[in-house]
Amino acid sequence: MQPLRSNASAASRLLSSSRRGRLVREIAQDFKTDMGFQSVATGALQEASEAYLVRRFEATNLCAIRAKRVTIMSKDIPIARRICGERA
């Protein structure tokens, strides 16, 4: 948990803005070519995706705790998704 806490408290992101922009453009090309994105938009996408992942991992961790485990397992993820109301 210590590496996670040190990364969580860091103000900087683990994914640089240039890499984030390339990733967003690569995904967007599957839907429409020649799309451009402002850095604020890619930053907002990163914030939203991080918030989503944090919520999912919190729910997954609660499933593991309920099963009297300290380690999350892949079987906890579908349960957490159902608890949070997400379709599988």
PDB file of N, CA and C in Angstrom:
ATOM      1  N   MET A   1       0.808  -1.199   0.000  1.00  0.00           N
ATOM      2  CA  MET A   1       0.000   0.000   0.000  1.00  0.00           C
ATOM      3  C   MET A   1       0.852   1.263   0.000  1.00  0.00           C
ATOM      4  N   GLN A   2       2.068   1.187   0.489  1.00  0.00           N
ATOM      5  CA  GLN A   2       2.906   2.383   0.560  1.00  0.00           C
ATOM      6  C   GLN A   2       3.155   3.005  -0.815  1.00  0.00           C
ATOM      7  N   PRO A   3       3.503   2.224  -1.858  1.00  0.00           N
ATOM      8  CA  PRO A   3       3.685   2.863  -3.169  1.00  0.00           C
ATOM      9  C   PRO A   3       2.415   3.535  -3.671  1.00  0.00           C
ATOM     10  N   LEU A   4       1.254   2.939  -3.392  1.00  0.00           N
ATOM     11  CA  LEU A   4       0.002   3.545  -3.823  1.00  0.00           C
ATOM     12  C   LEU A   4      -0.238   4.864  -3.114  1.00  0.00           C
ATOM     13  N   ARG A   5       0.041   4.901  -1.833  1.00  0.00           N
ATOM     14  CA  ARG A   5      -0.174   6.137  -1.081  1.00  0.00           C
ATOM     15  C   ARG A   5       0.753   7.238  -1.562  1.00  0.00           C
ATOM     16  N   SER A   6       2.008   6.894  -1.850  1.00  0.00           N
ATOM     17  CA  SER A   6       2.929   7.932  -2.305  1.00  0.00           C
ATOM     18  C   SER A   6       2.522   8.455  -3.677  1.00  0.00           C
ATOM     19  N   ASN A   7       2.030   7.582  -4.554  1.00  0.00           N
ATOM     20  CA  ASN A   7       1.563   8.033  -5.866  1.00  0.00           C
ATOM     21  C   ASN A   7       0.254   8.801  -5.758  1.00  0.00           C
ATOM     22  N   ALA A   8      -0.605   8.391  -4.840  1.00  0.00           N
ATOM     23  CA  ALA A   8      -1.893   9.062  -4.693  1.00  0.00           C
ATOM     24  C   ALA A   8      -1.725  10.481  -4.180  1.00  0.00           C
ATOM     25  N   SER A   9      -0.702  10.706  -3.384  1.00  0.00           N
ATOM     26  CA  SER A   9      -0.523  12.038  -2.827  1.00  0.00           C
ATOM     27  C   SER A   9       0.226  12.968  -3.776  1.00  0.00           C
ATOM     28  N   ALA A  10       0.782  12.440  -4.830  1.00  0.00           N
ATOM     29  CA  ALA A  10       1.527  13.268  -5.778  1.00  0.00           C
ATOM     30  C   ALA A  10       0.561  14.147  -6.565  1.00  0.00           C
ATOM     31  N   ALA A  11       0.966  15.391  -6.780  1.00  0.00           N
ATOM     32  CA  ALA A  11       0.108  16.324  -7.517  1.00  0.00           C
ATOM     33  C   ALA A  11       0.156  16.047  -9.014  1.00  0.00           C
ATOM     34  N   SER A  12       1.250  15.485  -9.497  1.00  0.00           N
ATOM     35  CA  SER A  12       1.378  15.232 -10.929  1.00  0.00           C
ATOM     36  C   SER A  12       0.686  13.924 -11.303  1.00  0.00           C
ATOM     37  N   ARG A  13       0.369  13.811 -12.558  1.00  0.00           N
ATOM     38  CA  ARG A  13      -0.275  12.611 -13.080  1.00  0.00           C
ATOM     39  C   ARG A  13       0.789  11.613 -13.519  1.00  0.00           C
ATOM     40  N   LEU A  14       0.423  10.339 -13.527  1.00  0.00           N
ATOM     41  CA  LEU A  14       1.354   9.309 -13.961  1.00  0.00           C
ATOM     42  C   LEU A  14       1.462   9.245 -15.478  1.00  0.00           C
ATOM     43  N   LEU A  15       0.484   9.777 -16.179  1.00  0.00           N
ATOM     44  CA  LEU A  15       0.471   9.785 -17.635  1.00  0.00           C
ATOM     45  C   LEU A  15       0.697  11.221 -18.100  1.00  0.00           C
ATOM     46  N   SER A  16       1.760  11.438 -18.862  1.00  0.00           N
ATOM     47  CA  SER A  16       2.075  12.794 -19.312  1.00  0.00           C
ATOM     48  C   SER A  16       0.999  13.300 -20.271  1.00  0.00           C
ATOM     49  N   SER A  17       0.930  14.617 -20.413  1.00  0.00           N
ATOM     50  CA  SER A  17      -0.117  15.191 -21.262  1.00  0.00           C
ATOM     51  C   SER A  17       0.061  14.800 -22.725  1.00  0.00           C
ATOM     52  N   SER A  18       1.307  14.660 -23.183  1.00  0.00           N
ATOM     53  CA  SER A  18       1.512  14.266 -24.584  1.00  0.00           C
ATOM     54  C   SER A  18       1.069  12.822 -24.817  1.00  0.00           C
ATOM     55  N   ARG A  19       1.382  11.943 -23.889  1.00  0.00           N
ATOM     56  CA  ARG A  19       0.940  10.548 -24.028  1.00  0.00           C
ATOM     57  C   ARG A  19      -0.572  10.440 -23.909  1.00  0.00           C
ATOM     58  N   ARG A  20      -1.135  11.218 -22.992  1.00  0.00           N
ATOM     59  CA  ARG A  20      -2.587  11.214 -22.821  1.00  0.00           C
ATOM     60  C   ARG A  20      -3.263  11.678 -24.106  1.00  0.00           C
ATOM     61  N   GLY A  21      -2.731  12.728 -24.735  1.00  0.00           N
ATOM     62  CA  GLY A  21      -3.295  13.225 -25.987  1.00  0.00           C
ATOM     63  C   GLY A  21      -3.224  12.196 -27.097  1.00  0.00           C
ATOM     64  N   ARG A  22      -2.084  11.499 -27.200  1.00  0.00           N
ATOM     65  CA  ARG A  22      -1.955  10.451 -28.225  1.00  0.00           C
ATOM     66  C   ARG A  22      -2.953   9.333 -27.994  1.00  0.00           C
ATOM     67  N   LEU A  23      -3.129   8.945 -26.742  1.00  0.00           N
ATOM     68  CA  LEU A  23      -4.067   7.874 -26.425  1.00  0.00           C
ATOM     69  C   LEU A  23      -5.500   8.276 -26.776  1.00  0.00           C
ATOM     70  N   VAL A  24      -5.884   9.493 -26.426  1.00  0.00           N
ATOM     71  CA  VAL A  24      -7.239   9.975 -26.730  1.00  0.00           C
ATOM     72  C   VAL A  24      -7.454  10.026 -28.238  1.00  0.00           C
ATOM     73  N   ARG A  25      -6.479  10.552 -28.979  1.00  0.00           N
ATOM     74  CA  ARG A  25      -6.618  10.625 -30.442  1.00  0.00           C
ATOM     75  C   ARG A  25      -6.697   9.229 -31.057  1.00  0.00           C
ATOM     76  N   GLU A  26      -5.914   8.294 -30.541  1.00  0.00           N
ATOM     77  CA  GLU A  26      -5.935   6.924 -31.068  1.00  0.00           C
ATOM     78  C   GLU A  26      -7.301   6.282 -30.858  1.00  0.00           C
ATOM     79  N   ILE A  27      -7.873   6.473 -29.689  1.00  0.00           N
ATOM     80  CA  ILE A  27      -9.201   5.913 -29.415  1.00  0.00           C
ATOM     81  C   ILE A  27     -10.256   6.609 -30.269  1.00  0.00           C
ATOM     82  N   ALA A  28     -10.155   7.927 -30.413  1.00  0.00           N
ATOM     83  CA  ALA A  28     -11.145   8.694 -31.176  1.00  0.00           C
ATOM     84  C   ALA A  28     -11.129   8.326 -32.654  1.00  0.00           C
ATOM     85  N   GLN A  29      -9.981   7.914 -33.189  1.00  0.00           N
ATOM     86  CA  GLN A  29      -9.894   7.553 -34.608  1.00  0.00           C
ATOM     87  C   GLN A  29     -10.770   6.359 -34.950  1.00  0.00           C
ATOM     88  N   ASP A  30     -11.091   5.536 -33.962  1.00  0.00           N
ATOM     89  CA  ASP A  30     -11.991   4.413 -34.215  1.00  0.00           C
ATOM     90  C   ASP A  30     -13.406   4.888 -34.541  1.00  0.00           C
ATOM     91  N   PHE A  31     -13.727   6.115 -34.156  1.00  0.00           N
ATOM     92  CA  PHE A  31     -15.072   6.647 -34.359  1.00  0.00           C
ATOM     93  C   PHE A  31     -15.127   7.683 -35.471  1.00  0.00           C
ATOM     94  N   LYS A  32     -14.114   8.557 -35.524  1.00  0.00           N
ATOM     95  CA  LYS A  32     -14.081   9.597 -36.545  1.00  0.00           C
ATOM     96  C   LYS A  32     -12.633  10.047 -36.712  1.00  0.00           C
ATOM     97  N   THR A  33     -12.214  10.218 -37.961  1.00  0.00           N
ATOM     98  CA  THR A  33     -10.841  10.649 -38.215  1.00  0.00           C
ATOM     99  C   THR A  33     -10.743  12.168 -38.169  1.00  0.00           C
ATOM    100  N   ASP A  34      -9.529  12.666 -38.086  1.00  0.00           N
ATOM    101  CA  ASP A  34      -9.230  14.102 -38.083  1.00  0.00           C
ATOM    102  C   ASP A  34      -9.931  14.862 -36.958  1.00  0.00           C
ATOM    103  N   MET A  35      -9.915  14.300 -35.774  1.00  0.00           N
ATOM    104  CA  MET A  35     -10.479  14.995 -34.619  1.00  0.00           C
ATOM    105  C   MET A  35      -9.347  15.617 -33.819  1.00  0.00           C
ATOM    106  N   GLY A  36      -9.593  16.780 -33.272  1.00  0.00           N
ATOM    107  CA  GLY A  36      -8.618  17.444 -32.423  1.00  0.00           C
ATOM    108  C   GLY A  36      -9.179  17.599 -31.020  1.00  0.00           C
ATOM    109  N   PHE A  37      -8.291  17.677 -30.044  1.00  0.00           N
ATOM    110  CA  PHE A  37      -8.711  17.807 -28.656  1.00  0.00           C
ATOM    111  C   PHE A  37      -7.865  18.860 -27.966  1.00  0.00           C
ATOM    112  N   GLN A  38      -8.503  19.696 -27.181  1.00  0.00           N
ATOM    113  CA  GLN A  38      -7.772  20.651 -26.369  1.00  0.00           C
ATOM    114  C   GLN A  38      -7.189  19.921 -25.168  1.00  0.00           C
ATOM    115  N   SER A  39      -6.083  20.448 -24.638  1.00  0.00           N
ATOM    116  CA  SER A  39      -5.449  19.799 -23.489  1.00  0.00           C
ATOM    117  C   SER A  39      -6.378  19.793 -22.279  1.00  0.00           C
ATOM    118  N   VAL A  40      -7.236  20.798 -22.176  1.00  0.00           N
ATOM    119  CA  VAL A  40      -8.201  20.834 -21.071  1.00  0.00           C
ATOM    120  C   VAL A  40      -9.173  19.659 -21.187  1.00  0.00           C
ATOM    121  N   ALA A  41      -9.558  19.326 -22.408  1.00  0.00           N
ATOM    122  CA  ALA A  41     -10.491  18.215 -22.624  1.00  0.00           C
ATOM    123  C   ALA A  41      -9.847  16.886 -22.262  1.00  0.00           C
ATOM    124  N   THR A  42      -8.597  16.681 -22.667  1.00  0.00           N
ATOM    125  CA  THR A  42      -7.936  15.419 -22.320  1.00  0.00           C
ATOM    126  C   THR A  42      -7.687  15.346 -20.818  1.00  0.00           C
ATOM    127  N   GLY A  43      -7.426  16.486 -20.195  1.00  0.00           N
ATOM    128  CA  GLY A  43      -7.274  16.510 -18.739  1.00  0.00           C
ATOM    129  C   GLY A  43      -8.568  16.141 -18.038  1.00  0.00           C
ATOM    130  N   ALA A  44      -9.687  16.638 -18.568  1.00  0.00           N
ATOM    131  CA  ALA A  44     -10.992  16.298 -17.998  1.00  0.00           C
ATOM    132  C   ALA A  44     -11.291  14.815 -18.169  1.00  0.00           C
ATOM    133  N   LEU A  45     -10.921  14.256 -19.323  1.00  0.00           N
ATOM    134  CA  LEU A  45     -11.101  12.816 -19.535  1.00  0.00           C
ATOM    135  C   LEU A  45     -10.281  12.008 -18.535  1.00  0.00           C
ATOM    136  N   GLN A  46      -9.063  12.460 -18.255  1.00  0.00           N
ATOM    137  CA  GLN A  46      -8.227  11.746 -17.294  1.00  0.00           C
ATOM    138  C   GLN A  46      -8.822  11.838 -15.891  1.00  0.00           C
ATOM    139  N   GLU A  47      -9.289  13.007 -15.508  1.00  0.00           N
ATOM    140  CA  GLU A  47      -9.911  13.171 -14.188  1.00  0.00           C
ATOM    141  C   GLU A  47     -11.112  12.240 -14.046  1.00  0.00           C
ATOM    142  N   ALA A  48     -11.955  12.204 -15.069  1.00  0.00           N
ATOM    143  CA  ALA A  48     -13.154  11.373 -15.020  1.00  0.00           C
ATOM    144  C   ALA A  48     -12.805   9.892 -14.974  1.00  0.00           C
ATOM    145  N   SER A  49     -11.829   9.477 -15.772  1.00  0.00           N
ATOM    146  CA  SER A  49     -11.462   8.059 -15.784  1.00  0.00           C
ATOM    147  C   SER A  49     -10.818   7.647 -14.466  1.00  0.00           C
ATOM    148  N   GLU A  50     -10.011   8.529 -13.877  1.00  0.00           N
ATOM    149  CA  GLU A  50      -9.412   8.218 -12.577  1.00  0.00           C
ATOM    150  C   GLU A  50     -10.479   8.116 -11.494  1.00  0.00           C
ATOM    151  N   ALA A  51     -11.455   9.020 -11.515  1.00  0.00           N
ATOM    152  CA  ALA A  51     -12.534   8.973 -10.526  1.00  0.00           C
ATOM    153  C   ALA A  51     -13.339   7.682 -10.671  1.00  0.00           C
ATOM    154  N   TYR A  52     -13.602   7.283 -11.919  1.00  0.00           N
ATOM    155  CA  TYR A  52     -14.316   6.031 -12.177  1.00  0.00           C
ATOM    156  C   TYR A  52     -13.541   4.844 -11.610  1.00  0.00           C
ATOM    157  N   LEU A  53     -12.252   4.783 -11.901  1.00  0.00           N
ATOM    158  CA  LEU A  53     -11.441   3.660 -11.431  1.00  0.00           C
ATOM    159  C   LEU A  53     -11.338   3.627  -9.912  1.00  0.00           C
ATOM    160  N   VAL A  54     -11.219   4.788  -9.291  1.00  0.00           N
ATOM    161  CA  VAL A  54     -11.149   4.833  -7.827  1.00  0.00           C
ATOM    162  C   VAL A  54     -12.437   4.288  -7.223  1.00  0.00           C
ATOM    163  N   ARG A  55     -13.602   4.713  -7.755  1.00  0.00           N
ATOM    164  CA  ARG A  55     -14.879   4.205  -7.243  1.00  0.00           C
ATOM    165  C   ARG A  55     -14.976   2.696  -7.413  1.00  0.00           C
ATOM    166  N   ARG A  56     -14.563   2.202  -8.567  1.00  0.00           N
ATOM    167  CA  ARG A  56     -14.651   0.762  -8.809  1.00  0.00           C
ATOM    168  C   ARG A  56     -13.709  -0.023  -7.894  1.00  0.00           C
ATOM    169  N   PHE A  57     -12.502   0.469  -7.701  1.00  0.00           N
ATOM    170  CA  PHE A  57     -11.570  -0.237  -6.823  1.00  0.00           C
ATOM    171  C   PHE A  57     -12.000  -0.153  -5.361  1.00  0.00           C
ATOM    172  N   GLU A  58     -12.636   0.944  -4.962  1.00  0.00           N
ATOM    173  CA  GLU A  58     -13.157   1.019  -3.596  1.00  0.00           C
ATOM    174  C   GLU A  58     -14.238  -0.030  -3.385  1.00  0.00           C
ATOM    175  N   ALA A  59     -15.149  -0.155  -4.336  1.00  0.00           N
ATOM    176  CA  ALA A  59     -16.208  -1.155  -4.233  1.00  0.00           C
ATOM    177  C   ALA A  59     -15.629  -2.565  -4.280  1.00  0.00           C
ATOM    178  N   THR A  60     -14.636  -2.777  -5.132  1.00  0.00           N
ATOM    179  CA  THR A  60     -13.988  -4.084  -5.229  1.00  0.00           C
ATOM    180  C   THR A  60     -13.282  -4.428  -3.927  1.00  0.00           C
ATOM    181  N   ASN A  61     -12.638  -3.447  -3.328  1.00  0.00           N
ATOM    182  CA  ASN A  61     -11.959  -3.673  -2.055  1.00  0.00           C
ATOM    183  C   ASN A  61     -12.963  -4.018  -0.957  1.00  0.00           C
ATOM    184  N   LEU A  62     -14.122  -3.367  -0.965  1.00  0.00           N
ATOM    185  CA  LEU A  62     -15.153  -3.699   0.019  1.00  0.00           C
ATOM    186  C   LEU A  62     -15.631  -5.142  -0.144  1.00  0.00           C
ATOM    187  N   CYS A  63     -15.714  -5.612  -1.379  1.00  0.00           N
ATOM    188  CA  CYS A  63     -16.087  -7.012  -1.618  1.00  0.00           C
ATOM    189  C   CYS A  63     -15.046  -7.959  -1.035  1.00  0.00           C
ATOM    190  N   ALA A  64     -13.780  -7.621  -1.199  1.00  0.00           N
ATOM    191  CA  ALA A  64     -12.712  -8.456  -0.647  1.00  0.00           C
ATOM    192  C   ALA A  64     -12.751  -8.439   0.877  1.00  0.00           C
ATOM    193  N   ILE A  65     -12.976  -7.276   1.458  1.00  0.00           N
ATOM    194  CA  ILE A  65     -13.058  -7.172   2.921  1.00  0.00           C
ATOM    195  C   ILE A  65     -14.237  -7.987   3.437  1.00  0.00           C
ATOM    196  N   ARG A  66     -15.362  -7.923   2.740  1.00  0.00           N
ATOM    197  CA  ARG A  66     -16.540  -8.695   3.136  1.00  0.00           C
ATOM    198  C   ARG A  66     -16.246 -10.191   3.118  1.00  0.00           C
ATOM    199  N   ALA A  67     -15.382 -10.621   2.206  1.00  0.00           N
ATOM    200  CA  ALA A  67     -14.994 -12.032   2.116  1.00  0.00           C
ATOM    201  C   ALA A  67     -13.832 -12.362   3.055  1.00  0.00           C
ATOM    202  N   LYS A  68     -13.488 -11.407   3.946  1.00  0.00           N
ATOM    203  CA  LYS A  68     -12.409 -11.574   4.926  1.00  0.00           C
ATOM    204  C   LYS A  68     -11.058 -11.801   4.260  1.00  0.00           C
ATOM    205  N   ARG A  69     -10.830 -11.029   3.180  1.00  0.00           N
ATOM    206  CA  ARG A  69      -9.550 -11.064   2.486  1.00  0.00           C
ATOM    207  C   ARG A  69      -8.969  -9.663   2.452  1.00  0.00           C
ATOM    208  N   VAL A  70      -7.657  -9.588   2.309  1.00  0.00           N
ATOM    209  CA  VAL A  70      -7.006  -8.284   2.173  1.00  0.00           C
ATOM    210  C   VAL A  70      -6.603  -8.015   0.730  1.00  0.00           C
ATOM    211  N   THR A  71      -6.716  -9.011  -0.116  1.00  0.00           N
ATOM    212  CA  THR A  71      -6.335  -8.888  -1.521  1.00  0.00           C
ATOM    213  C   THR A  71      -7.578  -8.987  -2.393  1.00  0.00           C
ATOM    214  N   ILE A  72      -7.708  -8.042  -3.329  1.00  0.00           N
ATOM    215  CA  ILE A  72      -8.839  -8.146  -4.250  1.00  0.00           C
ATOM    216  C   ILE A  72      -8.544  -9.237  -5.274  1.00  0.00           C
ATOM    217  N   MET A  73      -9.604  -9.875  -5.737  1.00  0.00           N
ATOM    218  CA  MET A  73      -9.474 -10.927  -6.738  1.00  0.00           C
ATOM    219  C   MET A  73     -10.380 -10.578  -7.912  1.00  0.00           C
ATOM    220  N   SER A  74     -10.111 -11.211  -9.036  1.00  0.00           N
ATOM    221  CA  SER A  74     -10.893 -10.906 -10.239  1.00  0.00           C
ATOM    222  C   SER A  74     -12.376 -11.197 -10.038  1.00  0.00           C
ATOM    223  N   LYS A  75     -12.700 -12.139  -9.177  1.00  0.00           N
ATOM    224  CA  LYS A  75     -14.113 -12.451  -8.944  1.00  0.00           C
ATOM    225  C   LYS A  75     -14.830 -11.347  -8.170  1.00  0.00           C
ATOM    226  N   ASP A  76     -14.086 -10.451  -7.522  1.00  0.00           N
ATOM    227  CA  ASP A  76     -14.692  -9.331  -6.798  1.00  0.00           C
ATOM    228  C   ASP A  76     -15.193  -8.241  -7.746  1.00  0.00           C
ATOM    229  N   ILE A  77     -14.576  -8.120  -8.909  1.00  0.00           N
ATOM    230  CA  ILE A  77     -14.890  -7.017  -9.821  1.00  0.00           C
ATOM    231  C   ILE A  77     -16.324  -7.090 -10.357  1.00  0.00           C
ATOM    232  N   PRO A  78     -16.804  -8.242 -10.855  1.00  0.00           N
ATOM    233  CA  PRO A  78     -18.207  -8.275 -11.322  1.00  0.00           C
ATOM    234  C   PRO A  78     -19.207  -8.003 -10.199  1.00  0.00           C
ATOM    235  N   ILE A  79     -18.893  -8.458  -9.001  1.00  0.00           N
ATOM    236  CA  ILE A  79     -19.780  -8.201  -7.861  1.00  0.00           C
ATOM    237  C   ILE A  79     -19.833  -6.708  -7.573  1.00  0.00           C
ATOM    238  N   ALA A  80     -18.675  -6.074  -7.576  1.00  0.00           N
ATOM    239  CA  ALA A  80     -18.612  -4.632  -7.325  1.00  0.00           C
ATOM    240  C   ALA A  80     -19.358  -3.859  -8.411  1.00  0.00           C
ATOM    241  N   ARG A  81     -19.244  -4.293  -9.647  1.00  0.00           N
ATOM    242  CA  ARG A  81     -19.957  -3.621 -10.742  1.00  0.00           C
ATOM    243  C   ARG A  81     -21.466  -3.718 -10.543  1.00  0.00           C
ATOM    244  N   ARG A  82     -21.944  -4.875 -10.104  1.00  0.00           N
ATOM    245  CA  ARG A  82     -23.383  -5.040  -9.873  1.00  0.00           C
ATOM    246  C   ARG A  82     -23.845  -4.198  -8.699  1.00  0.00           C
ATOM    247  N   ILE A  83     -23.028  -4.127  -7.651  1.00  0.00           N
ATOM    248  CA  ILE A  83     -23.381  -3.318  -6.488  1.00  0.00           C
ATOM    249  C   ILE A  83     -23.503  -1.855  -6.882  1.00  0.00           C
ATOM    250  N   CYS A  84     -22.601  -1.395  -7.735  1.00  0.00           N
ATOM    251  CA  CYS A  84     -22.597   0.009  -8.157  1.00  0.00           C
ATOM    252  C   CYS A  84     -23.638   0.301  -9.229  1.00  0.00           C
ATOM    253  N   GLY A  85     -24.372  -0.719  -9.671  1.00  0.00           N
ATOM    254  CA  GLY A  85     -25.428  -0.503 -10.650  1.00  0.00           C
ATOM    255  C   GLY A  85     -24.949  -0.462 -12.084  1.00  0.00           C
ATOM    256  N   GLU A  86     -23.747  -0.941 -12.330  1.00  0.00           N
ATOM    257  CA  GLU A  86     -23.209  -0.939 -13.690  1.00  0.00           C
ATOM    258  C   GLU A  86     -23.563  -2.253 -14.366  1.00  0.00           C
ATOM    259  N   ARG A  87     -23.935  -2.166 -15.621  1.00  0.00           N
ATOM    260  CA  ARG A  87     -24.268  -3.385 -16.365  1.00  0.00           C
ATOM    261  C   ARG A  87     -23.003  -4.110 -16.775  1.00  0.00           C
ATOM    262  N   ALA A  88     -23.066  -5.412 -16.797  1.00  0.00           N
ATOM    263  CA  ALA A  88     -21.894  -6.219 -17.151  1.00  0.00           C
ATOM    264  C   ALA A  88     -21.690  -6.353 -18.597  1.00  0.00           C
TER     265      ALA A  88
END
